[in-house]
């Protein structure tokens, strides 16, 4: 929800009503929260697995994707 409403701050620049700037900015600032939860979920799932995955590169890729999504779209996007 934060991502969908967060895009509203772009609507202001195409001539939409001014309230979109406020709503979009507020929800855009909240976007790092779900990204952080996604990162915690990815690490939790990997740590609680019952058997080892044979492809270590794929597991590392999944962990790295979650971390970089949090950093790139969440923290640096803020």
Protein backbone atom coordinates (compact mmCIF):
# COMPACT_ATOMS: atom_id res chain seq x y z
CA UNK A 1 0.00 0.00 0.00
CA UNK A 2 2.84 2.39 0.75
CA UNK A 3 4.27 1.87 -2.72
CA UNK A 4 0.98 2.37 -4.53
CA UNK A 5 -0.05 5.53 -2.69
CA UNK A 6 3.60 6.63 -2.53
CA UNK A 7 3.65 7.10 -6.29
CA UNK A 8 1.07 9.84 -5.75
CA UNK A 9 3.76 12.46 -5.23
CA UNK A 10 4.48 12.12 -8.95
CA UNK A 11 0.85 12.86 -9.83
CA UNK A 12 1.20 16.44 -8.60
CA UNK A 13 3.62 17.25 -11.40
CA UNK A 14 1.16 16.17 -14.11
CA UNK A 15 -1.52 18.57 -12.92
CA UNK A 16 -3.39 16.46 -10.35
CA UNK A 17 -4.72 18.16 -7.20
CA UNK A 18 -2.18 19.37 -4.64
CA UNK A 19 -3.15 16.86 -1.97
CA UNK A 20 -1.37 14.16 -3.98
CA UNK A 21 1.97 15.77 -3.14
CA UNK A 22 1.27 15.37 0.58
CA UNK A 23 -0.27 11.90 0.48
CA UNK A 24 2.38 10.62 -1.91
CA UNK A 25 5.24 12.06 0.11
CA UNK A 26 3.99 10.65 3.40
CA UNK A 27 3.45 7.14 2.04
CA UNK A 28 6.67 7.27 0.05
CA UNK A 29 8.53 8.02 3.29
CA UNK A 30 6.95 4.89 4.81
CA UNK A 31 8.19 2.60 2.02
CA UNK A 32 11.39 1.45 3.81
CA UNK A 33 9.25 -0.29 6.46
CA UNK A 34 7.83 -3.06 4.22
CA UNK A 35 11.21 -3.44 2.51
CA UNK A 36 12.85 -3.99 5.90
CA UNK A 37 10.17 -6.54 6.84
CA UNK A 38 10.78 -8.31 3.51
CA UNK A 39 14.50 -8.50 4.32
CA UNK A 40 13.82 -9.94 7.77
CA UNK A 41 11.40 -12.46 6.26
CA UNK A 42 13.98 -13.61 3.69
CA UNK A 43 16.66 -14.16 6.33
CA UNK A 44 14.15 -15.87 8.64
CA UNK A 45 13.04 -18.29 5.94
CA UNK A 46 16.62 -19.13 4.99
CA UNK A 47 17.69 -19.65 8.62
CA UNK A 48 14.70 -21.89 9.46
CA UNK A 49 14.92 -24.20 6.45
CA UNK A 50 14.88 -27.89 7.21
CA UNK A 51 17.39 -28.98 4.58
CA UNK A 52 20.27 -27.33 2.80
CA UNK A 53 19.70 -26.08 -0.70
CA UNK A 54 22.28 -27.56 -3.08
CA UNK A 55 22.68 -24.31 -5.01
CA UNK A 56 24.47 -21.97 -2.59
CA UNK A 57 24.69 -19.19 -5.20
CA UNK A 58 20.89 -19.11 -5.53
CA UNK A 59 20.44 -18.80 -1.75
CA UNK A 60 23.02 -16.02 -1.60
CA UNK A 61 21.31 -14.31 -4.55
CA UNK A 62 17.94 -14.42 -2.74
CA UNK A 63 19.45 -12.92 0.40
CA UNK A 64 21.31 -10.26 -1.57
CA UNK A 65 18.21 -9.32 -3.55
CA UNK A 66 16.25 -8.67 -0.35
CA UNK A 67 19.06 -6.58 1.15
CA UNK A 68 19.67 -4.54 -1.99
CA UNK A 69 15.94 -3.92 -2.47
CA UNK A 70 15.80 -2.57 1.07
CA UNK A 71 18.84 -0.37 0.56
CA UNK A 72 18.11 0.79 -2.97
CA UNK A 73 14.36 1.29 -3.02
CA UNK A 74 13.93 1.84 0.70
CA UNK A 75 16.81 3.70 2.31
CA UNK A 76 18.39 5.45 -0.68
CA UNK A 77 14.95 6.12 -2.18
CA UNK A 78 13.99 7.97 0.97
